[in-house]
Amino acid sequence: MLPSAPQCSCLFFRVTHSELHIASYTCENKRLSPYDVHTTTPHQYSTDCFYATAPPPMSTPKESKKRKSNALDEACLELSEEIENGDVHKEEEKEQEDVETQFSNWKTNSGLLYDFVCRKELEWPSLSIDFGDFHNENIEDNVLNQLVCVGTHTSNKEPNYLYVCDVLFPLEQLAQEKCIYKINENYEGFDFCCEKKKFTIKSKIAHTGEVNRIKFLPLERKNIVVTKAIDGNLHLFDINKHKIETNDDKMNPEVSFVGNNSDGFGLDFNAYKKFALTCSNDGMITVYDYNNLSSKTVNPFYKVQYKSPINDVSSLNDPNLILACADNGYILVYDIRVKTTEPAQQVLGQQVPVNCIALNRFTGHFASGSENGKIKIWDIKRFNEPQHIINAHKEAVIRLNFSPNDSSLLASASNNRFINIYDLNKIGEELDAIDLSDGPSELIFSHGGHTQPITDFNWNHHKKLKMFIGSTGEDNTLQFWQLKTELLDEVNTIPTSNTDVE
């Protein structure tokens, strides 16, 4: 399901001698289409002429007057369309200028907001990102290498790939003089540890169709990654067996989890029982057992069909239960022990599609994100109504993730190019009129480093990188960013991205 056009969030900040106060305001702008090239051409009149083989019959004065009237109406209509197209062209040009200005200001002020920023241009946009195993942790230099997987979303029948990247990250806060956004050897952002390479593509693995979703297997993050393909099936790769030198464009996974017939994005794992869960746009939910991977293909041991497209799926702390959300606005719970097509529980989450769900592994609560920009926090034990509603975005919420290192932190991505971070401990805090206009009390940060809509993001699971997120967007960028810790410690108001200040 393609998201609707978003409204752009414009932001500013102000600094005093005693504190850094960052606030935001919003203005409604029409978003550029996420997939089109935005170069509108003014209306052109046709220069083709069509000649009759014989002269037309003579017309009466009344008929001639009517034809002149029709011709005048058509000319007025064409002129109106030309003016309208010109206005749209000017509006799109201004919106593009606004985005470029905001991005320039974000780069200028990034040193005030982030402990670390890395922005890598990719050849093609990636629809997903996940962090894998970390290695070569160097205590002396306070850096580590970590595997990161992204995919491709190509066009014109270009081949698609799963990329395994080896990325160097700082383990401690950089000195303020290092927090300057600039062009480095093979990335943009903050420079550090200059003698070591920061970004390397370790493996380039052929993939049939775009890579909709990527996840490393839990507890086996070192070398096993699973992808969700456009045909709905899952493919498991041992990344140690695939080298960058190969020229083979034929996909060769170690295992394929088959039995799906439709595109989709939902993918999750039950680490306790070693189950893989997925869903598709045809309403199908399938569950696989990956305990035994001796076979080249694995069929689902559980399969259920729902009446509406399923947009996302998640395991719960109870290994027998599956959580799903649908295009008709319902949130569903299935019990895999019960052989029935009906969900064990269901609730109307919204009157609009529910696009994504995320489980808080610490508390058992979960969050849902909808097409209308709202996030709802739910208790699975009291499923009839949400515990809290966050008016998070003005456009559709397309991705949610709880922090793996802090039970109170939730992040969301929307079509408006921004990723928000919320501290759920701040729910219910009283705000004055100025702060209330900035957003809900639990909103603590908004990342504005993308110039096109977000496609995916994930938290880094390393214990020392608490506020560290990787994100991908339709602007063909892969970004790594870590919120400045002092900003959270010292500011009691709402810190946000500063994209409108020079």
Protein backbone atom coordinates (compact mmCIF):
# COMPACT_ATOMS: atom_id res chain seq x y z
CA MET A 1 0.00 0.00 0.00
CA LEU A 2 1.47 3.31 -1.06
CA PRO A 3 1.33 6.11 1.51
CA SER A 4 -0.55 9.33 0.95
CA ALA A 5 1.14 12.67 0.41
CA PRO A 6 2.65 14.08 3.59
CA GLN A 7 2.93 17.49 5.20
CA CYS A 8 6.41 18.80 5.77
CA SER A 9 7.48 19.57 9.33
CA CYS A 10 9.64 22.66 9.60
CA LEU A 11 11.77 23.12 12.69
CA PHE A 12 13.90 25.69 14.48
CA PHE A 13 15.99 26.02 17.61
CA ARG A 14 17.25 28.77 19.88
CA VAL A 15 20.27 28.81 22.19
CA THR A 16 20.68 30.81 25.41
CA HIS A 17 23.70 31.10 27.69
CA SER A 18 22.18 28.76 30.25
CA GLU A 19 20.42 26.15 28.19
CA LEU A 20 19.82 24.82 24.71
CA HIS A 21 16.13 25.07 23.94
CA ILE A 22 14.95 23.48 20.76
CA ALA A 23 11.39 23.75 19.54
CA SER A 24 9.41 23.13 16.41
CA TYR A 25 6.62 24.53 14.37
CA THR A 26 4.74 22.97 11.49
CA CYS A 27 3.58 24.25 8.18
CA GLU A 28 1.47 22.44 5.66
CA ASN A 29 3.19 21.69 2.39
CA LYS A 30 2.28 19.32 -0.36
CA ARG A 31 4.91 16.57 -0.58
CA LEU A 32 6.70 15.68 -3.75
CA SER A 33 5.71 12.26 -5.02
CA PRO A 34 8.01 9.62 -3.50
CA TYR A 35 8.66 7.82 -6.75
CA ASP A 36 8.36 10.36 -9.59
CA VAL A 37 11.03 12.63 -11.01
CA HIS A 38 9.68 16.08 -10.27
CA THR A 39 10.34 18.07 -13.42
CA THR A 40 6.99 19.33 -14.61
CA THR A 41 6.92 20.54 -18.22
CA PRO A 42 4.59 23.44 -19.09
CA HIS A 43 1.68 22.61 -21.34
CA GLN A 44 2.67 22.41 -24.99
CA TYR A 45 0.26 23.09 -27.82
CA SER A 46 0.22 20.49 -30.58
CA THR A 47 1.81 21.47 -33.88
CA ASP A 48 0.23 18.58 -35.78
CA CYS A 49 -2.31 19.58 -38.46
CA PHE A 50 -4.96 17.29 -39.87
CA TYR A 51 -6.34 18.05 -43.33
CA ALA A 52 -9.66 16.79 -44.68
CA THR A 53 -9.69 15.11 -48.10
CA ALA A 54 -12.73 17.17 -49.07
CA PRO A 55 -13.99 20.55 -47.88
CA PRO A 56 -16.55 20.41 -45.08
CA PRO A 57 -20.17 21.08 -45.89
CA MET A 58 -21.45 24.63 -45.64
CA SER A 59 -22.85 25.48 -42.23
CA THR A 60 -25.61 27.80 -41.19
CA PRO A 61 -24.75 31.00 -39.25
CA LYS A 62 -26.23 29.40 -36.11
CA GLU A 63 -24.00 26.32 -36.43
CA SER A 64 -20.98 28.50 -37.12
CA LYS A 65 -21.69 30.58 -34.00
CA LYS A 66 -22.03 27.39 -31.93
CA ARG A 67 -18.70 26.06 -33.21
CA LYS A 68 -17.01 29.35 -32.37
CA SER A 69 -18.47 29.18 -28.87
CA ASN A 70 -17.20 25.61 -28.41
CA ALA A 71 -13.78 26.57 -29.73
CA LEU A 72 -13.66 29.50 -27.32
CA ASP A 73 -14.59 27.21 -24.41
CA GLU A 74 -11.86 24.75 -25.40
CA ALA A 75 -9.30 27.54 -25.69
CA CYS A 76 -10.27 28.85 -22.25
CA LEU A 77 -10.01 25.35 -20.81
CA GLU A 78 -6.56 24.86 -22.32
CA LEU A 79 -5.44 28.23 -21.00
CA SER A 80 -6.78 27.38 -17.54
CA GLU A 81 -4.93 24.04 -17.58
CA GLU A 82 -1.75 25.80 -18.71
CA ILE A 83 -1.99 28.28 -15.83
CA GLU A 84 -2.76 25.48 -13.37
CA ASN A 85 0.18 23.40 -14.58
CA GLY A 86 2.41 26.43 -14.29
CA ASP A 87 1.25 27.03 -10.71
CA VAL A 88 1.91 23.39 -9.82
CA HIS A 89 5.35 23.63 -11.38
CA LYS A 90 6.17 26.73 -9.33
CA GLU A 91 4.81 25.12 -6.17
CA GLU A 92 6.91 22.00 -6.67
CA GLU A 93 10.01 24.09 -7.35
CA LYS A 94 9.45 26.02 -4.12
CA GLU A 95 8.90 22.82 -2.15
CA GLN A 96 12.14 21.40 -3.53
CA GLU A 97 13.95 24.62 -2.59
CA ASP A 98 12.48 24.37 0.93
CA VAL A 99 13.70 20.78 1.29
CA GLU A 100 17.18 21.74 0.09
CA THR A 101 17.28 24.69 2.50
CA GLN A 102 16.14 22.56 5.43
CA PHE A 103 18.71 19.89 4.61
CA SER A 104 21.49 22.48 4.36
CA ASN A 105 20.51 23.89 7.75
CA TRP A 106 20.34 20.39 9.23
CA LYS A 107 23.93 19.73 8.14
CA THR A 108 25.09 23.05 9.55
CA ASN A 109 23.52 22.45 12.97
CA SER A 110 24.06 18.67 13.23
CA GLY A 111 27.00 19.18 15.60
CA LEU A 112 24.59 20.60 18.20
CA LEU A 113 22.20 17.66 18.01
CA TYR A 114 24.22 14.51 17.39
CA ASP A 115 27.13 12.64 18.91
CA PHE A 116 27.66 10.98 15.52
CA VAL A 117 26.35 11.33 11.95
CA CYS A 118 27.28 9.26 8.90
CA ARG A 119 25.46 9.62 5.57
CA LYS A 120 26.32 7.20 2.75
CA GLU A 121 25.03 7.60 -0.81
CA LEU A 122 23.87 4.30 -2.36
CA GLU A 123 23.41 3.50 -6.04
CA TRP A 124 19.79 2.44 -5.41
CA PRO A 125 17.39 3.09 -2.53
CA SER A 126 17.13 0.39 0.12
CA LEU A 127 13.76 -0.64 1.53
CA SER A 128 15.23 -2.12 4.70
CA ILE A 129 18.17 -2.09 7.12
CA ASP A 130 19.31 -4.25 10.04
CA PHE A 131 22.33 -4.36 12.33
CA GLY A 132 24.26 -7.59 12.67
CA ASP A 133 27.22 -8.78 14.70
CA PHE A 134 29.94 -6.43 15.93
CA HIS A 135 33.62 -7.34 15.89
CA ASN A 136 37.12 -5.85 16.17
CA GLU A 137 36.10 -3.84 19.20
CA ASN A 138 39.13 -1.65 19.88
CA ILE A 139 39.19 -0.31 23.43
CA GLU A 140 42.27 1.81 22.78
CA ASP A 141 40.69 3.67 19.84
CA ASN A 142 37.13 3.34 21.23
CA VAL A 143 35.75 2.03 17.93
CA LEU A 144 34.16 -1.17 16.66
CA ASN A 145 33.24 -2.74 13.35
CA GLN A 146 29.68 -3.90 12.83
CA LEU A 147 27.89 -5.73 10.03
CA VAL A 148 24.95 -3.87 8.50
CA CYS A 149 22.66 -5.30 5.81
CA VAL A 150 20.74 -3.26 3.24
CA GLY A 151 19.03 -4.23 -0.01
CA THR A 152 18.35 -2.66 -3.38
CA HIS A 153 15.18 -1.45 -5.06
CA THR A 154 16.24 -1.08 -8.68
CA SER A 155 14.41 -0.16 -11.88
CA ASN A 156 14.65 -0.87 -15.62
CA LYS A 157 15.16 -4.59 -14.94
CA GLU A 158 18.49 -3.95 -13.21
CA PRO A 159 19.48 -6.86 -10.90
CA ASN A 160 18.83 -6.58 -7.17
CA TYR A 161 21.23 -7.44 -4.37
CA LEU A 162 21.53 -7.90 -0.65
CA TYR A 163 24.54 -5.89 0.52
CA VAL A 164 26.52 -6.89 3.61
CA CYS A 165 28.43 -3.83 4.80
CA ASP A 166 31.23 -3.59 7.34
CA VAL A 167 30.94 -0.22 9.10
CA LEU A 168 33.20 1.40 11.68
CA PHE A 169 31.46 3.20 14.57
CA PRO A 170 32.80 5.25 17.50
CA LEU A 171 32.08 3.79 20.94
CA GLU A 172 32.39 7.03 22.86
CA GLN A 173 31.20 10.56 22.33
CA LEU A 174 33.32 12.51 19.87
CA ALA A 175 34.97 15.75 20.94
CA GLN A 176 32.89 18.75 19.94
CA GLU A 177 35.50 19.89 17.41
CA LYS A 178 35.01 16.54 15.60
CA CYS A 179 31.23 17.05 15.37
CA ILE A 180 31.36 18.90 12.07
CA TYR A 181 29.43 17.69 9.03
CA LYS A 182 31.76 17.39 6.04
CA ILE A 183 32.60 15.21 3.05
CA ASN A 184 35.01 12.42 4.03
CA GLU A 185 36.68 9.60 2.10
CA ASN A 186 33.56 7.59 1.23
CA TYR A 187 30.77 9.13 3.32
CA GLU A 188 29.48 12.44 4.63
CA GLY A 189 29.26 13.32 8.31
CA PHE A 190 31.53 13.47 11.36
CA ASP A 191 35.11 12.30 10.89
CA PHE A 192 36.93 10.13 13.45
CA CYS A 193 39.78 7.64 13.69
CA CYS A 194 41.17 8.78 10.35
CA GLU A 195 43.55 5.88 9.73
CA LYS A 196 40.76 3.28 9.49
CA LYS A 197 38.28 2.70 6.68
CA LYS A 198 34.76 3.58 7.76
CA PHE A 199 32.55 1.81 5.18
CA THR A 200 33.20 -1.37 3.16
CA ILE A 201 30.84 -3.57 1.15
CA LYS A 202 31.83 -7.03 2.33
CA SER A 203 29.37 -9.11 0.28
CA LYS A 204 27.08 -8.54 -2.68
CA ILE A 205 24.46 -11.28 -2.78
CA ALA A 206 22.16 -11.70 -5.80
CA HIS A 207 18.47 -11.39 -4.93
CA THR A 208 15.42 -12.01 -7.14
CA GLY A 209 13.44 -8.78 -7.03
CA GLU A 210 13.78 -5.99 -4.51
CA VAL A 211 14.54 -6.80 -0.88
CA ASN A 212 11.41 -5.78 1.02
CA ARG A 213 12.66 -6.58 4.52
CA ILE A 214 15.92 -7.72 6.14
CA LYS A 215 16.44 -9.29 9.55
CA PHE A 216 19.36 -11.07 11.18
CA LEU A 217 18.30 -14.19 13.04
CA PRO A 218 18.10 -13.55 16.80
CA LEU A 219 20.85 -15.26 18.79
CA GLU A 220 22.59 -16.11 15.51
CA ARG A 221 23.42 -12.58 14.39
CA LYS A 222 26.96 -13.44 13.40
CA ASN A 223 26.30 -14.80 9.94
CA ILE A 224 22.61 -15.61 9.23
CA VAL A 225 20.24 -13.10 7.62
CA VAL A 226 16.70 -13.57 6.28
CA THR A 227 15.06 -11.47 3.56
CA LYS A 228 11.44 -10.94 2.55
CA ALA A 229 11.12 -11.04 -1.26
CA ILE A 230 8.52 -9.48 -3.54
CA ASP A 231 6.93 -12.89 -4.18
CA GLY A 232 6.16 -13.14 -0.45
CA ASN A 233 8.65 -15.90 0.31
CA LEU A 234 11.56 -15.71 2.76
CA HIS A 235 15.18 -16.49 1.91
CA LEU A 236 17.94 -17.35 4.38
CA PHE A 237 21.57 -16.52 3.60
CA ASP A 238 24.77 -17.47 5.38
CA ILE A 239 26.67 -14.28 4.58
CA ASN A 240 30.03 -15.97 5.19
CA LYS A 241 29.40 -18.14 2.12
CA HIS A 242 28.77 -15.24 -0.27
CA LYS A 243 31.71 -13.16 -1.46
CA ILE A 244 31.80 -9.85 -3.29
CA GLU A 245 33.91 -11.27 -6.13
CA THR A 246 31.05 -13.36 -7.55
CA ASN A 247 29.55 -12.30 -10.89
CA ASP A 248 26.57 -14.64 -10.57
CA ASP A 249 23.27 -12.72 -10.66
CA LYS A 250 21.23 -15.84 -9.85
CA MET A 251 19.91 -15.95 -6.29
CA ASN A 252 21.22 -18.93 -4.33
CA PRO A 253 20.00 -18.84 -0.72
CA GLU A 254 20.86 -21.57 1.75
CA VAL A 255 17.15 -22.04 2.50
CA SER A 256 13.90 -20.67 1.06
CA PHE A 257 10.73 -20.52 3.15
CA VAL A 258 7.99 -21.01 0.55
CA GLY A 259 4.20 -21.08 0.43
CA ASN A 260 3.39 -17.41 -0.17
CA ASN A 261 1.93 -15.92 -3.33
CA SER A 262 1.82 -12.19 -2.69
CA ASP A 263 4.04 -9.21 -2.00
CA GLY A 264 4.45 -8.01 1.58
CA PHE A 265 6.75 -6.51 4.21
CA GLY A 266 6.00 -8.20 7.54
CA LEU A 267 8.82 -10.34 9.00
CA ASP A 268 9.63 -11.33 12.56
CA PHE A 269 11.11 -14.17 14.61
CA ASN A 270 10.21 -16.04 17.76
CA ALA A 271 13.67 -16.53 19.27
CA TYR A 272 12.45 -18.95 21.95
CA LYS A 273 10.90 -21.53 19.60
CA LYS A 274 12.87 -20.51 16.50
CA PHE A 275 9.84 -19.61 14.41
CA ALA A 276 9.85 -17.22 11.45
CA LEU A 277 6.65 -15.22 10.86
CA THR A 278 5.61 -13.37 7.74
CA CYS A 279 2.54 -11.82 6.12
CA SER A 280 1.42 -10.67 2.69
CA ASN A 281 -0.89 -8.29 0.88
CA ASP A 282 -3.29 -11.14 0.07
CA GLY A 283 -4.09 -11.48 3.80
CA MET A 284 -1.96 -14.59 4.36
CA ILE A 285 0.02 -15.16 7.57
CA THR A 286 2.55 -18.01 7.58
CA VAL A 287 4.80 -19.43 10.30
CA TYR A 288 7.93 -21.54 9.71
CA ASP A 289 10.13 -23.64 11.96
CA TYR A 290 13.82 -22.93 11.35
CA ASN A 291 15.20 -25.37 13.94
CA ASN A 292 16.16 -27.80 11.18
CA LEU A 293 17.59 -26.20 8.06
CA SER A 294 18.84 -29.33 6.32
CA SER A 295 16.33 -28.94 3.48
CA LYS A 296 16.68 -26.39 0.68
CA THR A 297 13.01 -25.40 1.01
CA VAL A 298 10.78 -25.18 4.08
CA ASN A 299 6.97 -25.12 4.04
CA PRO A 300 4.92 -23.37 6.72
CA PHE A 301 3.56 -25.45 9.60
CA TYR A 302 0.93 -22.78 10.27
CA LYS A 303 -1.01 -20.81 7.69
CA VAL A 304 -4.07 -18.60 8.06
CA GLN A 305 -5.97 -16.38 5.63
CA TYR A 306 -7.51 -13.05 6.65
CA LYS A 307 -10.09 -11.04 4.68
CA SER A 308 -7.89 -7.93 4.32
CA PRO A 309 -4.23 -7.31 3.43
CA ILE A 310 -1.92 -7.89 6.41
CA ASN A 311 0.63 -5.07 6.67
CA ASP A 312 2.81 -6.26 9.55
CA VAL A 313 3.29 -9.18 11.91
CA SER A 314 5.08 -9.68 15.23
CA SER A 315 5.74 -12.45 17.71
CA LEU A 316 4.65 -11.93 21.31
CA ASN A 317 6.30 -12.92 24.57
CA ASP A 318 3.91 -15.88 24.61
CA PRO A 319 5.49 -18.05 21.86
CA ASN A 320 2.09 -19.45 20.82
CA LEU A 321 0.60 -16.07 19.91
CA ILE A 322 1.02 -13.96 16.77
CA LEU A 323 0.21 -10.27 16.51
CA ALA A 324 -0.81 -8.79 13.15
CA CYS A 325 -2.30 -5.58 11.76
CA ALA A 326 -4.51 -5.20 8.71
CA ASP A 327 -5.48 -2.75 6.01
CA ASN A 328 -9.07 -2.65 7.29
CA GLY A 329 -7.87 -1.10 10.57
CA TYR A 330 -8.00 -4.23 12.73
CA ILE A 331 -5.30 -5.54 15.06
CA LEU A 332 -5.37 -9.34 15.34
CA VAL A 333 -4.03 -12.00 17.69
CA TYR A 334 -3.77 -15.59 16.44
CA ASP A 335 -3.09 -18.68 18.54
CA ILE A 336 -1.07 -21.15 16.45
CA ARG A 337 -2.28 -24.04 18.63
CA VAL A 338 -5.87 -23.53 17.46
CA LYS A 339 -6.82 -24.76 14.00
CA THR A 340 -9.25 -22.05 12.97
CA THR A 341 -9.21 -19.18 10.51
CA GLU A 342 -10.67 -16.77 13.07
CA PRO A 343 -8.33 -14.70 15.26
CA ALA A 344 -8.32 -15.43 18.98
CA GLN A 345 -8.70 -11.70 19.62
CA GLN A 346 -9.28 -8.69 17.43
CA VAL A 347 -9.89 -4.99 17.94
CA LEU A 348 -10.54 -2.11 15.56
CA GLY A 349 -7.35 -0.15 15.99
CA GLN A 350 -8.29 2.66 13.60
CA GLN A 351 -10.87 3.50 10.95
CA VAL A 352 -7.90 3.65 8.56
CA PRO A 353 -5.21 1.07 7.69
CA VAL A 354 -2.86 0.05 10.50
CA ASN A 355 0.52 -0.04 8.76
CA CYS A 356 2.91 -1.33 11.42
CA ILE A 357 3.23 -2.81 14.90
CA ALA A 358 6.12 -3.22 17.33
CA LEU A 359 6.44 -5.22 20.54
CA ASN A 360 8.16 -3.95 23.68
CA ARG A 361 10.05 -7.10 24.76
CA PHE A 362 10.63 -5.69 28.24
CA THR A 363 7.01 -4.97 29.19
CA GLY A 364 4.89 -6.98 26.75
CA HIS A 365 3.14 -3.83 25.54
CA PHE A 366 2.99 -3.09 21.84
CA ALA A 367 2.56 -0.04 19.62
CA SER A 368 0.58 0.36 16.41
CA GLY A 369 1.07 3.00 13.71
CA SER A 370 -1.67 4.04 11.31
CA GLU A 371 -2.32 5.80 8.04
CA ASN A 372 -3.62 8.88 9.88
CA GLY A 373 -0.30 9.47 11.67
CA LYS A 374 -1.44 8.24 15.10
CA ILE A 375 0.49 5.82 17.32
CA LYS A 376 -1.38 3.77 19.90
CA ILE A 377 0.15 1.99 22.89
CA TRP A 378 -1.60 -1.26 23.86
CA ASP A 379 -1.53 -3.76 26.71
CA ILE A 380 -2.06 -7.26 25.30
CA LYS A 381 -3.78 -8.28 28.55
CA ARG A 382 -6.38 -5.49 28.16
CA PHE A 383 -6.92 -5.58 24.46
CA ASN A 384 -10.22 -3.73 24.13
CA GLU A 385 -8.78 -0.19 24.04
CA PRO A 386 -5.36 1.48 23.84
CA GLN A 387 -3.61 2.70 26.96
CA HIS A 388 -2.33 5.83 25.25
CA ILE A 389 -2.56 7.65 21.90
CA ILE A 390 0.28 9.73 20.46
CA ASN A 391 -0.55 12.29 17.77
CA ALA A 392 2.81 11.54 16.26
CA HIS A 393 2.82 12.61 12.62
CA LYS A 394 0.64 14.51 10.18
CA GLU A 395 1.14 11.73 7.64
CA ALA A 396 1.10 7.93 7.66
CA VAL A 397 3.29 6.06 10.15
CA ILE A 398 5.18 3.46 8.14
CA ARG A 399 7.55 1.93 10.73
CA LEU A 400 7.80 1.49 14.52
CA ASN A 401 10.61 0.08 16.68
CA PHE A 402 11.16 -0.08 20.43
CA SER A 403 14.73 0.36 21.63
CA PRO A 404 16.46 -2.97 22.42
CA ASN A 405 18.36 -1.24 25.24
CA ASP A 406 15.72 0.94 26.93
CA SER A 407 12.11 -0.08 27.59
CA SER A 408 10.86 3.53 27.53
CA LEU A 409 12.17 4.51 24.09
CA LEU A 410 10.03 4.17 20.95
CA ALA A 411 10.81 5.48 17.47
CA SER A 412 8.55 6.00 14.47
CA ALA A 413 9.03 6.87 10.80
CA SER A 414 6.56 8.70 8.61
CA ASN A 415 6.17 9.76 5.00
CA ASN A 416 7.20 13.30 5.88
CA ARG A 417 10.96 12.43 5.88
CA PHE A 418 11.29 12.45 9.66
CA ILE A 419 11.98 9.82 12.33
CA ASN A 420 10.65 10.68 15.80
CA ILE A 421 11.91 9.35 19.13
CA TYR A 422 9.58 9.21 22.15
CA ASP A 423 10.28 8.70 25.84
CA LEU A 424 7.17 6.94 27.14
CA ASN A 425 8.14 7.89 30.70
CA LYS A 426 7.13 11.43 29.76
CA ILE A 427 3.52 10.52 29.00
CA GLY A 428 1.21 12.86 30.90
CA GLU A 429 3.79 15.52 31.69
CA GLU A 430 2.28 18.99 31.76
CA LEU A 431 3.47 21.41 29.09
CA ASP A 432 3.03 25.15 28.76
CA ALA A 433 1.35 26.62 25.70
CA ILE A 434 4.60 27.04 23.75
CA ASP A 435 5.85 23.52 24.41
CA LEU A 436 2.40 22.06 23.74
CA SER A 437 2.48 23.50 20.23
CA ASP A 438 5.80 21.71 19.64
CA GLY A 439 4.27 18.25 19.95
CA PRO A 440 3.25 15.66 22.55
CA SER A 441 5.09 15.55 25.86
CA GLU A 442 6.74 12.21 25.06
CA LEU A 443 8.37 13.48 21.83
CA ILE A 444 12.06 14.09 22.54
CA PHE A 445 13.70 14.21 19.10
CA SER A 446 13.02 14.32 15.37
CA HIS A 447 15.69 13.31 12.85
CA GLY A 448 15.62 15.41 9.67
CA GLY A 449 18.58 14.09 7.69
CA HIS A 450 16.60 12.59 4.80
CA THR A 451 15.41 14.59 1.79
CA GLN A 452 12.86 11.98 0.66
CA PRO A 453 10.47 9.68 2.58
CA ILE A 454 11.92 7.11 4.98
CA THR A 455 11.80 3.46 3.91
CA ASP A 456 13.07 1.78 7.10
CA PHE A 457 15.09 2.25 10.29
CA ASN A 458 16.43 0.14 13.15
CA TRP A 459 18.07 0.66 16.52
CA ASN A 460 21.62 -0.53 17.08
CA HIS A 461 21.58 -3.32 19.69
CA HIS A 462 25.10 -2.63 21.05
CA LYS A 463 24.86 -1.78 24.76
CA LYS A 464 27.16 1.24 24.48
CA LEU A 465 25.22 2.73 21.56
CA LYS A 466 21.96 3.45 23.33
CA MET A 467 20.58 6.24 21.12
CA PHE A 468 22.08 4.96 17.85
CA ILE A 469 19.82 4.42 14.81
CA GLY A 470 20.39 3.41 11.18
CA SER A 471 17.90 4.58 8.56
CA THR A 472 17.27 4.32 4.82
CA GLY A 473 15.22 6.51 2.50
CA GLU A 474 14.03 7.08 -1.03
CA ASP A 475 16.84 9.63 -1.36
CA ASN A 476 19.21 6.64 -1.88
CA THR A 477 20.97 7.25 1.43
CA LEU A 478 21.99 5.01 4.29
CA GLN A 479 22.34 7.03 7.48
CA PHE A 480 23.73 6.30 10.95
CA TRP A 481 23.08 8.81 13.70
CA GLN A 482 23.32 9.03 17.46
CA LEU A 483 21.44 11.63 19.48
CA LYS A 484 23.65 13.89 21.61
CA THR A 485 23.37 12.63 25.19
CA GLU A 486 23.68 16.08 26.80
CA LEU A 487 20.58 17.17 24.92
CA LEU A 488 18.47 14.61 26.75
CA ASP A 489 20.19 15.10 30.10
CA GLU A 490 20.06 18.89 30.24
CA VAL A 491 16.98 19.98 28.30
CA ASN A 492 13.55 19.46 29.81
CA THR A 493 11.74 20.77 26.76
CA ILE A 494 11.40 19.04 23.41
CA PRO A 495 14.65 18.67 21.48
CA THR A 496 14.03 18.41 17.76
CA SER A 497 15.88 18.56 14.49
CA ASN A 498 16.81 22.09 13.40
CA THR A 499 16.26 22.19 9.66
CA ASP A 500 15.30 25.84 9.25
CA VAL A 501 18.16 27.68 10.95
CA GLU A 502 21.37 28.78 9.30
